[in-house]
Amino acid sequence: MLIISINKDAGSLQSQIVKQIIMHIKNGTLLPSSVLPSTRNLSQELNVSRNTIVTAYQRLISEGYLETSAARETRVSAVLPEVVSSVIRETKSTDAVEIKTNVKFRNARIHTPEIVQEIVNRNSRRIKYDFWVGRPDHQLFPKKIWRQLLLESFDSNLISMVQYGNPAGSERLRSVIAELVRTTRGIATTHEHIIITAGIQEALNIVSRLFVREGGNVYVENPCYQGAAYVFKSYGANIVPIPVDAKGMDVSQLKGKPPGLVYTTPSHQYPTGVTLSLKRRKRLIRWAEETGSCIVEDDYDSDFRYDKPPLHALSGLSMNGHSIYLGTFSKSLGAGLRLGYMVLPERLTKPAIAIKTLLNNHHVALDQAVMTRFIEGGHFERHLRIIRQEYRRRRDSLIGAIKHNFGKQTKITGAEGGMHIVWNIPQGFPDASNLQNMALTKGVGLYTTNSGGSVDFLQKDNQNSQIIMGYSSLKCDEIETGVSRIASLLRGNWC
């Protein structure tokens, strides 16, 4: 999937597509000989006519940017026009303020046994209509092909089972991930700057050991993902909450603040679900470069975008190495695999690998081998197409059920992507905490922003009027029944 944004009110669609593909080639997110999507697939992705894509490709071929192969694929030209080649050869600016890192290793102070207990309790609950957040449907897991690849990988990776591997991870897996983030997130990188991690949580610990000093500032969205906030606090950080509004983190509030680490979930803010606007993304990067700060971009569920194409990742916009990208396969395949990755600037890669070595030396070799084959064989892309389509149906069922039972004017946020929405409870109904407890009596799992895995440092008034509702693990009929039970409960016991 290419990141191309189409504005049907901004002139020729063909010209927009041509300009953006050239931009991808110039900034290195489309490398020479990279295969482009077929005209049919790209037309469906962008919701434009196939003729528009065909004409755009033909124009790029005539100008020397693209070429066709014997296999009838369209590729980036192996030899690019000189004007593009000269741009790619240019060295990146080093005028930005140097990022200050903290590579002094020390023990983290963990004071959160209640979090561990909550995870155990949550995983042991058996609620029939459970709207828990971010849980993939296990019935959609590609078990047949995964089993086949597991057996194939086992036979060919016996040596790796008895020896330590590269702490950064399998070079082959890191290479396919580099290609993945180039094409889907606009990040021009190579395998040398990628580290395989046990999910985003381990990556956050690596980041904390790099940057967090006792009393040092960590700027977080408010409300914020608990898992990140508590990791930073455990390393002695001074948490500075930055409010979130309809356009994401209000980065204007960083003006005049001292350097620090910035943690953000810009694609689908957790928990509100809003997307950080392009204007704010650029402003955030500019602030980081001017102050010598570093941005940590947690892109936990950007595989799921339903109504609009994804924006460039912050690391795709930052040209001076002030952004770290965290990705995961926990939402697309399953958290139990514990497979995630970090994309780092060159200057941070070696210190981060050193920290990874101290944490666990390397990730499970067999899991890496299977994931590599899964992506290389095109199975991951096909799997994403299937579950995106299904999760979109489930999202539509949830929104439809809420509006049917509680009125069309009911406010819902975060519906453009991800695996959950935020439902703003209508006036006259119980607050979120009471509604959560009442719903359990009907076998329905609802979650406040706090019990749903976020923390509000500013104690905003609207937090107890919002319910987080995940939809990915429930079928459409289960979603409709669950919402219907809530409505019945409220009509019978509250109205």
Protein backbone atom coordinates (compact mmCIF):
# COMPACT_ATOMS: atom_id res chain seq x y z
CA MET A 1 0.00 0.00 0.00
CA LEU A 2 1.34 3.41 -1.00
CA ILE A 3 0.66 6.48 1.13
CA ILE A 4 -1.13 8.71 -1.37
CA SER A 5 -3.66 11.33 -0.31
CA ILE A 6 -6.28 12.28 -2.88
CA ASN A 7 -8.25 15.51 -2.72
CA LYS A 8 -10.99 15.39 -5.35
CA ASP A 9 -11.48 19.16 -5.05
CA ALA A 10 -7.82 20.02 -5.66
CA GLY A 11 -7.46 19.58 -9.41
CA SER A 12 -6.31 16.68 -11.58
CA LEU A 13 -6.26 13.36 -9.71
CA GLN A 14 -3.70 12.03 -12.17
CA SER A 15 -1.32 14.92 -11.39
CA GLN A 16 -1.74 14.42 -7.65
CA ILE A 17 -0.82 10.73 -7.99
CA VAL A 18 2.17 11.46 -10.24
CA LYS A 19 3.56 14.14 -7.90
CA GLN A 20 3.24 11.96 -4.82
CA ILE A 21 4.89 8.93 -6.41
CA ILE A 22 7.80 11.14 -7.51
CA MET A 23 8.01 12.46 -3.94
CA HIS A 24 8.21 8.88 -2.60
CA ILE A 25 11.02 8.12 -5.05
CA LYS A 26 12.94 11.28 -4.13
CA ASN A 27 12.76 10.78 -0.37
CA GLY A 28 13.71 7.12 -0.58
CA THR A 29 10.45 5.48 0.51
CA LEU A 30 10.25 3.96 -2.99
CA LEU A 31 13.62 2.46 -3.89
CA PRO A 32 14.88 1.61 -7.40
CA SER A 33 13.28 -1.62 -8.67
CA SER A 34 10.54 -1.54 -5.99
CA VAL A 35 7.28 -3.06 -7.25
CA LEU A 36 4.28 -0.71 -7.27
CA PRO A 37 0.71 -1.84 -6.60
CA SER A 38 -1.23 -3.03 -9.62
CA THR A 39 -3.43 -0.42 -11.28
CA ARG A 40 -6.50 -2.34 -10.16
CA ASN A 41 -5.43 -2.54 -6.50
CA LEU A 42 -4.34 1.10 -6.33
CA SER A 43 -7.57 2.31 -7.94
CA GLN A 44 -9.56 0.39 -5.34
CA GLU A 45 -7.36 1.69 -2.51
CA LEU A 46 -7.72 5.33 -3.60
CA ASN A 47 -11.32 5.00 -4.82
CA VAL A 48 -10.52 6.46 -8.25
CA SER A 49 -10.98 5.03 -11.72
CA ARG A 50 -8.48 2.51 -12.98
CA ASN A 51 -7.92 4.63 -16.10
CA THR A 52 -6.64 7.44 -13.88
CA ILE A 53 -4.01 5.11 -12.39
CA VAL A 54 -3.08 3.65 -15.78
CA THR A 55 -2.57 7.14 -17.24
CA ALA A 56 -0.51 8.24 -14.22
CA TYR A 57 1.73 5.17 -14.48
CA GLN A 58 2.18 5.68 -18.24
CA ARG A 59 3.22 9.29 -17.65
CA LEU A 60 5.77 8.23 -15.02
CA ILE A 61 7.11 5.54 -17.38
CA SER A 62 7.53 8.08 -20.18
CA GLU A 63 9.43 10.40 -17.81
CA GLY A 64 11.78 7.62 -16.68
CA TYR A 65 10.56 7.18 -13.11
CA LEU A 66 8.87 3.80 -13.65
CA GLU A 67 9.39 0.80 -15.90
CA THR A 68 7.58 -2.43 -16.66
CA SER A 69 9.10 -5.87 -16.18
CA ALA A 70 8.78 -9.16 -18.05
CA ALA A 71 6.38 -10.31 -15.32
CA ARG A 72 4.11 -7.38 -16.28
CA GLU A 73 4.84 -5.63 -13.00
CA THR A 74 5.34 -1.89 -12.73
CA ARG A 75 8.54 -1.00 -10.87
CA VAL A 76 10.56 2.04 -9.93
CA SER A 77 13.23 2.43 -12.60
CA ALA A 78 16.52 0.79 -11.75
CA VAL A 79 18.26 3.85 -13.25
CA LEU A 80 16.45 7.02 -12.22
CA PRO A 81 16.46 10.42 -13.95
CA GLU A 82 19.54 12.39 -12.88
CA VAL A 83 17.49 15.07 -11.12
CA VAL A 84 16.09 12.42 -8.76
CA SER A 85 19.39 10.64 -8.29
CA SER A 86 21.06 13.88 -7.23
CA VAL A 87 18.36 14.53 -4.64
CA ILE A 88 18.75 11.03 -3.18
CA ARG A 89 22.55 11.43 -3.02
CA GLU A 90 22.34 14.65 -1.01
CA THR A 91 23.42 14.26 2.60
CA LYS A 92 20.83 15.10 5.21
CA SER A 93 21.19 18.33 7.18
CA THR A 94 23.14 18.15 10.41
CA ASP A 95 22.20 21.65 11.56
CA ALA A 96 19.53 20.44 13.99
CA VAL A 97 20.31 20.38 17.71
CA GLU A 98 21.89 17.08 18.76
CA ILE A 99 19.64 14.68 20.68
CA LYS A 100 20.85 14.18 24.21
CA THR A 101 20.69 10.58 25.35
CA ASN A 102 21.08 8.88 28.69
CA VAL A 103 22.90 5.57 28.30
CA LYS A 104 23.57 5.13 32.02
CA PHE A 105 22.03 1.78 32.95
CA ARG A 106 20.22 1.39 36.25
CA ASN A 107 17.45 -0.67 37.78
CA ALA A 108 13.94 0.56 37.13
CA ARG A 109 11.76 1.07 40.21
CA ILE A 110 8.56 -0.87 39.69
CA HIS A 111 5.70 -0.06 42.04
CA THR A 112 2.74 -1.38 40.03
CA PRO A 113 1.83 -4.93 41.15
CA GLU A 114 -1.85 -3.96 40.76
CA ILE A 115 -1.27 -3.58 36.99
CA VAL A 116 0.03 -7.14 36.74
CA GLN A 117 -2.97 -8.42 38.69
CA GLU A 118 -5.37 -6.49 36.46
CA ILE A 119 -3.82 -8.10 33.35
CA VAL A 120 -4.25 -11.56 34.91
CA ASN A 121 -7.86 -10.79 35.89
CA ARG A 122 -8.68 -9.36 32.47
CA ASN A 123 -7.31 -12.40 30.62
CA SER A 124 -9.18 -14.83 32.88
CA ARG A 125 -12.58 -13.11 32.52
CA ARG A 126 -15.18 -14.83 30.40
CA ILE A 127 -17.68 -12.14 29.45
CA LYS A 128 -19.92 -13.17 26.57
CA TYR A 129 -20.23 -9.71 25.03
CA ASP A 130 -16.85 -8.23 25.91
CA PHE A 131 -15.99 -4.92 24.23
CA TRP A 132 -12.36 -5.10 25.37
CA VAL A 133 -9.93 -2.93 23.40
CA GLY A 134 -7.38 -4.05 20.81
CA ARG A 135 -7.98 -7.79 20.92
CA PRO A 136 -7.83 -9.51 17.50
CA ASP A 137 -10.38 -12.21 16.71
CA HIS A 138 -8.54 -15.52 17.19
CA GLN A 139 -10.85 -17.16 14.66
CA LEU A 140 -9.38 -14.90 11.96
CA PHE A 141 -5.81 -15.94 12.75
CA PRO A 142 -4.23 -17.48 9.59
CA LYS A 143 -3.63 -20.80 11.32
CA LYS A 144 -3.33 -22.99 8.21
CA ILE A 145 -0.54 -21.03 6.54
CA TRP A 146 1.09 -20.24 9.91
CA ARG A 147 1.25 -23.97 10.75
CA GLN A 148 2.77 -24.71 7.35
CA LEU A 149 5.39 -21.96 7.69
CA LEU A 150 6.14 -23.03 11.26
CA LEU A 151 7.00 -26.56 10.12
CA GLU A 152 9.09 -25.29 7.21
CA SER A 153 10.93 -22.84 9.45
CA PHE A 154 11.58 -25.43 12.14
CA ASP A 155 13.40 -27.73 9.74
CA SER A 156 15.55 -24.95 8.28
CA ASN A 157 16.35 -23.16 11.55
CA LEU A 158 17.57 -25.94 13.82
CA ILE A 159 20.99 -24.32 14.26
CA SER A 160 19.40 -21.09 15.46
CA MET A 161 17.55 -23.05 18.12
CA VAL A 162 20.78 -23.94 19.94
CA GLN A 163 22.74 -20.71 19.74
CA TYR A 164 22.35 -17.02 20.48
CA GLY A 165 21.36 -14.77 17.64
CA ASN A 166 21.85 -11.12 16.78
CA PRO A 167 20.45 -9.00 19.65
CA ALA A 168 18.91 -6.66 17.06
CA GLY A 169 17.02 -9.56 15.51
CA SER A 170 17.08 -11.56 12.31
CA GLU A 171 18.59 -9.51 9.47
CA ARG A 172 16.14 -11.06 7.03
CA LEU A 173 13.12 -10.09 9.16
CA ARG A 174 14.49 -6.59 9.71
CA SER A 175 14.94 -6.23 5.94
CA VAL A 176 11.32 -7.13 5.16
CA ILE A 177 10.12 -4.80 7.93
CA ALA A 178 12.25 -2.01 6.43
CA GLU A 179 10.44 -2.55 3.12
CA LEU A 180 7.10 -2.69 4.93
CA VAL A 181 7.51 0.65 6.72
CA ARG A 182 8.89 2.29 3.57
CA THR A 183 5.81 1.48 1.55
CA THR A 184 3.10 1.72 4.21
CA ARG A 185 4.38 4.39 6.60
CA GLY A 186 6.68 6.50 4.43
CA ILE A 187 9.83 5.79 6.50
CA ALA A 188 13.05 5.59 4.49
CA THR A 189 15.19 3.19 6.50
CA THR A 190 17.26 0.01 6.25
CA HIS A 191 17.56 -3.12 8.36
CA GLU A 192 20.60 -1.67 10.17
CA HIS A 193 18.33 0.76 12.03
CA ILE A 194 15.63 -1.72 13.08
CA ILE A 195 15.51 -3.75 16.29
CA ILE A 196 13.10 -6.65 16.87
CA THR A 197 11.42 -6.40 20.28
CA ALA A 198 9.00 -8.36 22.43
CA GLY A 199 6.18 -5.98 21.53
CA ILE A 200 5.99 -2.24 22.09
CA GLN A 201 6.32 -2.62 25.86
CA GLU A 202 9.93 -3.80 25.61
CA ALA A 203 10.63 -1.01 23.13
CA LEU A 204 9.36 1.52 25.68
CA ASN A 205 11.80 0.14 28.25
CA ILE A 206 14.66 0.50 25.77
CA VAL A 207 13.62 4.09 25.07
CA SER A 208 13.43 4.82 28.80
CA ARG A 209 16.93 3.49 29.41
CA LEU A 210 18.16 5.66 26.56
CA PHE A 211 16.53 8.91 27.59
CA VAL A 212 14.84 9.01 30.98
CA ARG A 213 16.80 10.60 33.78
CA GLU A 214 15.63 11.06 37.36
CA GLY A 215 13.28 14.06 37.23
CA GLY A 216 13.71 14.47 33.46
CA ASN A 217 10.72 15.66 31.46
CA VAL A 218 8.64 13.19 29.46
CA TYR A 219 5.80 14.89 27.58
CA VAL A 220 2.80 12.60 27.11
CA GLU A 221 -0.64 12.94 25.58
CA ASN A 222 -3.44 13.41 28.07
CA PRO A 223 -5.19 11.03 28.44
CA CYS A 224 -2.33 8.61 27.83
CA TYR A 225 -1.76 4.89 27.37
CA GLN A 226 -1.09 3.48 30.84
CA GLY A 227 1.57 1.04 29.68
CA ALA A 228 3.77 3.88 28.44
CA ALA A 229 3.13 6.34 31.27
CA TYR A 230 3.89 3.78 33.98
CA VAL A 231 7.12 2.66 32.28
CA PHE A 232 8.37 6.25 32.14
CA LYS A 233 7.39 6.86 35.77
CA SER A 234 9.18 3.69 36.85
CA TYR A 235 12.44 5.19 35.55
CA GLY A 236 11.91 8.38 37.56
CA ALA A 237 10.48 10.60 34.81
CA ASN A 238 8.66 13.85 35.47
CA ILE A 239 5.47 13.28 33.48
CA VAL A 240 4.23 16.45 31.77
CA PRO A 241 0.71 15.92 30.34
CA ILE A 242 -0.21 17.71 27.10
CA PRO A 243 -3.98 17.88 26.41
CA VAL A 244 -5.52 16.11 23.43
CA ASP A 245 -8.33 17.65 21.39
CA ALA A 246 -10.07 16.77 18.12
CA LYS A 247 -6.80 17.24 16.19
CA GLY A 248 -4.64 15.21 18.54
CA MET A 249 -1.97 16.38 20.98
CA ASP A 250 -2.02 20.17 21.34
CA VAL A 251 1.62 20.61 20.41
CA SER A 252 1.38 24.41 20.74
CA GLN A 253 1.66 23.83 24.49
CA LEU A 254 5.23 22.58 24.03
CA LYS A 255 6.36 26.08 23.03
CA GLY A 256 8.85 27.42 25.54
CA LYS A 257 9.15 24.11 27.38
CA PRO A 258 12.61 22.61 28.01
CA PRO A 259 13.88 19.63 25.99
CA GLY A 260 12.56 16.19 26.80
CA LEU A 261 11.12 12.98 25.46
CA VAL A 262 7.72 13.20 23.74
CA TYR A 263 5.46 10.14 23.66
CA THR A 264 2.58 10.14 21.18
CA THR A 265 0.14 7.81 19.38
CA PRO A 266 -0.55 10.05 16.36
CA SER A 267 -2.30 7.64 13.99
CA HIS A 268 -5.09 6.67 16.42
CA GLN A 269 -4.56 8.39 19.75
CA TYR A 270 -5.03 6.13 22.72
CA PRO A 271 -7.66 6.22 24.08
CA THR A 272 -9.61 8.98 22.24
CA GLY A 273 -8.97 7.60 18.73
CA VAL A 274 -8.32 11.01 17.13
CA THR A 275 -5.60 11.50 14.50
CA LEU A 276 -2.80 14.03 14.90
CA SER A 277 -3.18 16.52 12.05
CA LEU A 278 -0.42 16.96 9.46
CA LYS A 279 0.07 20.58 10.55
CA ARG A 280 0.64 19.52 14.15
CA ARG A 281 2.94 16.67 13.07
CA LYS A 282 5.19 19.12 11.30
CA ARG A 283 5.07 21.55 14.21
CA LEU A 284 5.99 18.78 16.67
CA ILE A 285 8.97 17.72 14.55
CA ARG A 286 10.13 21.34 14.25
CA TRP A 287 9.97 21.77 18.04
CA ALA A 288 11.95 18.54 18.60
CA GLU A 289 14.65 19.63 16.14
CA GLU A 290 14.92 23.11 17.63
CA THR A 291 15.20 21.88 21.22
CA GLY A 292 17.18 18.68 20.70
CA SER A 293 14.27 16.55 21.93
CA CYS A 294 13.18 13.13 20.71
CA ILE A 295 9.70 11.92 19.72
CA VAL A 296 8.56 8.37 20.42
CA GLU A 297 5.82 7.40 17.95
CA ASP A 298 3.75 4.44 19.14
CA ASP A 299 1.97 3.22 15.99
CA TYR A 300 0.09 0.42 17.70
CA ASP A 301 -2.86 -0.08 15.31
CA SER A 302 -2.17 1.90 12.12
CA ASP A 303 -2.74 -1.25 10.04
CA PHE A 304 -6.43 -0.45 10.34
CA ARG A 305 -7.52 2.66 8.49
CA TYR A 306 -10.99 2.58 7.01
CA ASP A 307 -12.21 5.94 5.72
CA LYS A 308 -9.06 7.87 4.84
CA PRO A 309 -5.54 6.96 3.72
CA PRO A 310 -2.91 6.98 6.49
CA LEU A 311 -0.76 10.04 7.05
CA HIS A 312 3.03 9.77 6.95
CA ALA A 313 4.58 8.49 10.13
CA LEU A 314 6.47 11.15 12.08
CA SER A 315 9.68 9.26 11.30
CA GLY A 316 8.82 9.62 7.62
CA LEU A 317 8.55 13.40 8.00
CA SER A 318 11.55 13.93 10.27
CA MET A 319 14.76 14.19 8.23
CA ASN A 320 17.13 14.86 11.13
CA GLY A 321 16.75 11.78 13.31
CA HIS A 322 14.55 13.17 16.07
CA SER A 323 11.90 10.46 15.97
CA ILE A 324 11.75 6.80 17.02
CA TYR A 325 9.04 4.64 15.48
CA LEU A 326 7.52 1.72 17.40
CA GLY A 327 5.54 -0.90 15.49
CA THR A 328 3.90 -4.19 16.48
CA PHE A 329 2.21 -7.29 15.10
CA SER A 330 0.13 -7.64 18.28
CA LYS A 331 -2.98 -6.08 16.74
CA SER A 332 -2.76 -7.59 13.26
CA LEU A 333 -1.91 -11.14 14.40
CA GLY A 334 -1.88 -11.44 18.18
CA ALA A 335 -0.26 -10.13 21.35
CA GLY A 336 0.81 -13.65 22.31
CA LEU A 337 3.43 -13.68 19.54
CA ARG A 338 5.32 -10.83 21.30
CA LEU A 339 6.69 -9.48 18.05
CA GLY A 340 7.33 -5.78 17.64
CA TYR A 341 10.05 -3.55 16.30
CA MET A 342 11.76 -0.19 16.64
CA VAL A 343 12.92 2.03 13.78
CA LEU A 344 15.72 4.24 15.06
CA PRO A 345 17.84 7.13 13.82
CA GLU A 346 21.41 6.12 13.01
CA ARG A 347 22.88 7.85 16.06
CA LEU A 348 20.64 5.89 18.45
CA THR A 349 20.88 2.43 16.92
CA LYS A 350 24.06 1.15 18.62
CA PRO A 351 23.10 2.36 22.13
CA ALA A 352 19.64 0.80 21.72
CA ILE A 353 21.12 -2.54 20.60
CA ALA A 354 23.40 -2.48 23.65
CA ILE A 355 20.37 -2.05 25.90
CA LYS A 356 18.46 -4.80 24.08
CA THR A 357 21.44 -7.10 24.70
CA LEU A 358 21.26 -6.42 28.43
CA LEU A 359 17.51 -7.05 28.53
CA ASN A 360 17.27 -10.45 26.81
CA ASN A 361 20.10 -10.83 24.28
CA HIS A 362 17.85 -11.72 21.36
CA HIS A 363 14.29 -12.56 20.34
CA VAL A 364 12.95 -16.09 19.67
CA ALA A 365 14.55 -17.25 16.41
CA LEU A 366 11.71 -19.53 15.25
CA ASP A 367 9.05 -16.83 15.62
CA GLN A 368 11.19 -14.44 13.61
CA ALA A 369 11.69 -17.02 10.86
CA VAL A 370 7.96 -17.71 10.55
CA MET A 371 7.09 -14.00 10.46
CA THR A 372 9.72 -13.41 7.78
CA ARG A 373 8.25 -16.09 5.53
CA PHE A 374 4.73 -14.84 6.29
CA ILE A 375 5.56 -11.34 5.04
CA GLU A 376 7.81 -12.40 2.14
CA GLY A 377 5.15 -14.76 0.80
CA GLY A 378 2.54 -11.98 0.61
CA HIS A 379 0.46 -13.68 3.31
CA PHE A 380 0.64 -10.72 5.68
CA GLU A 381 -0.73 -8.30 3.09
CA ARG A 382 -3.56 -10.71 2.22
CA HIS A 383 -4.33 -11.26 5.90
CA LEU A 384 -4.55 -7.50 6.48
CA ARG A 385 -6.97 -7.09 3.57
CA ILE A 386 -9.25 -9.77 5.03
CA ILE A 387 -9.29 -8.50 8.60
CA ARG A 388 -9.56 -4.83 7.57
CA GLN A 389 -12.69 -5.65 5.64
CA GLU A 390 -14.12 -7.66 8.53
CA TYR A 391 -13.23 -5.12 11.22
CA ARG A 392 -14.77 -2.36 9.12
CA ARG A 393 -18.04 -4.34 9.08
CA ARG A 394 -17.86 -4.78 12.85
CA ARG A 395 -17.13 -1.10 13.37
CA ASP A 396 -20.13 -0.18 11.22
CA SER A 397 -22.31 -2.62 13.19
CA LEU A 398 -21.24 -1.04 16.48
CA ILE A 399 -21.83 2.53 15.33
CA GLY A 400 -25.17 1.54 13.79
CA ALA A 401 -26.28 -0.25 16.95
CA ILE A 402 -25.35 2.69 19.19
CA LYS A 403 -27.16 5.21 17.00
CA HIS A 404 -30.19 2.94 16.63
CA ASN A 405 -30.53 2.52 20.39
CA PHE A 406 -29.36 5.93 21.62
CA GLY A 407 -30.11 8.35 18.80
CA LYS A 408 -28.34 9.45 15.64
CA GLN A 409 -26.82 12.49 17.37
CA THR A 410 -24.87 10.31 19.82
CA LYS A 411 -21.23 11.43 19.72
CA ILE A 412 -18.63 8.83 18.72
CA THR A 413 -14.92 9.50 18.20
CA GLY A 414 -12.03 7.44 16.85
CA ALA A 415 -14.05 5.65 14.17
CA GLU A 416 -11.74 6.38 11.21
CA GLY A 417 -9.36 3.58 12.10
CA GLY A 418 -8.01 1.24 14.73
CA MET A 419 -9.96 -1.39 16.67
CA HIS A 420 -12.02 0.69 19.09
CA ILE A 421 -14.22 3.75 19.33
CA VAL A 422 -15.06 6.11 22.18
CA TRP A 423 -18.77 6.45 22.96
CA ASN A 424 -19.81 9.65 24.72
CA ILE A 425 -22.67 8.63 27.02
CA PRO A 426 -25.82 10.73 26.40
CA GLN A 427 -26.98 13.07 29.13
CA GLY A 428 -29.45 11.57 31.58
CA PHE A 429 -27.70 8.21 31.74
CA PRO A 430 -25.37 6.92 34.51
CA ASP A 431 -21.71 7.87 34.39
CA ALA A 432 -19.13 5.57 32.83
CA SER A 433 -18.09 3.85 36.06
CA ASN A 434 -21.66 3.00 37.06
CA LEU A 435 -22.56 1.92 33.53
CA GLN A 436 -19.54 -0.41 33.45
CA ASN A 437 -20.68 -2.12 36.64
CA MET A 438 -24.32 -2.31 35.53
CA ALA A 439 -23.38 -3.82 32.16
CA LEU A 440 -21.55 -6.70 33.84
CA THR A 441 -24.85 -7.88 35.33
CA LYS A 442 -26.04 -8.43 31.74
CA GLY A 443 -22.86 -10.18 30.60
CA VAL A 444 -21.57 -7.11 28.76
CA GLY A 445 -18.01 -5.84 29.21
CA LEU A 446 -17.72 -2.05 28.94
CA TYR A 447 -14.70 0.02 29.93
CA THR A 448 -14.07 3.50 31.20
CA THR A 449 -11.03 5.31 29.86
CA ASN A 450 -9.22 4.36 33.07
CA SER A 451 -10.19 0.67 33.21
CA GLY A 452 -9.60 0.50 29.45
CA GLY A 453 -5.88 1.05 29.85
CA SER A 454 -5.39 4.82 29.88
CA VAL A 455 -4.53 7.36 32.54
CA ASP A 456 -5.75 10.95 32.87
CA PHE A 457 -3.20 13.18 34.61
CA LEU A 458 -5.34 16.30 34.30
CA GLN A 459 -8.58 14.73 35.59
CA LYS A 460 -10.70 16.24 32.82
CA ASP A 461 -14.42 16.49 33.51
CA ASN A 462 -15.49 14.43 30.49
CA GLN A 463 -13.50 11.29 31.37
CA ASN A 464 -16.33 9.69 33.33
CA SER A 465 -18.79 10.30 30.51
CA GLN A 466 -16.85 8.22 27.97
CA ILE A 467 -16.83 4.49 27.30
CA ILE A 468 -14.12 2.76 25.25
CA MET A 469 -15.58 0.00 23.07
CA GLY A 470 -13.43 -2.44 21.14
CA TYR A 471 -15.15 -4.31 18.32
CA SER A 472 -12.49 -6.49 16.70
CA SER A 473 -13.09 -9.66 18.75
CA LEU A 474 -16.91 -9.68 18.51
CA LYS A 475 -19.00 -10.74 15.54
CA CYS A 476 -21.60 -8.33 14.18
CA ASP A 477 -24.54 -10.13 15.79
CA GLU A 478 -22.73 -10.22 19.15
CA ILE A 479 -22.03 -6.48 18.91
CA GLU A 480 -25.68 -5.72 18.20
CA THR A 481 -26.88 -7.98 21.02
CA GLY A 482 -24.42 -6.43 23.47
CA VAL A 483 -25.51 -2.87 22.68
CA SER A 484 -29.15 -3.93 22.79
CA ARG A 485 -28.62 -5.34 26.29
CA ILE A 486 -27.13 -2.04 27.43
CA ALA A 487 -30.10 -0.14 26.01
CA SER A 488 -32.56 -2.54 27.64
CA LEU A 489 -30.76 -2.22 30.95
CA LEU A 490 -30.89 1.56 30.87
CA ARG A 491 -34.54 1.71 29.82
CA GLY A 492 -35.55 -0.69 32.56
CA ASN A 493 -33.40 0.60 35.41
CA TRP A 494 -32.68 4.24 34.73
CA CYS A 495 -35.21 5.98 32.51
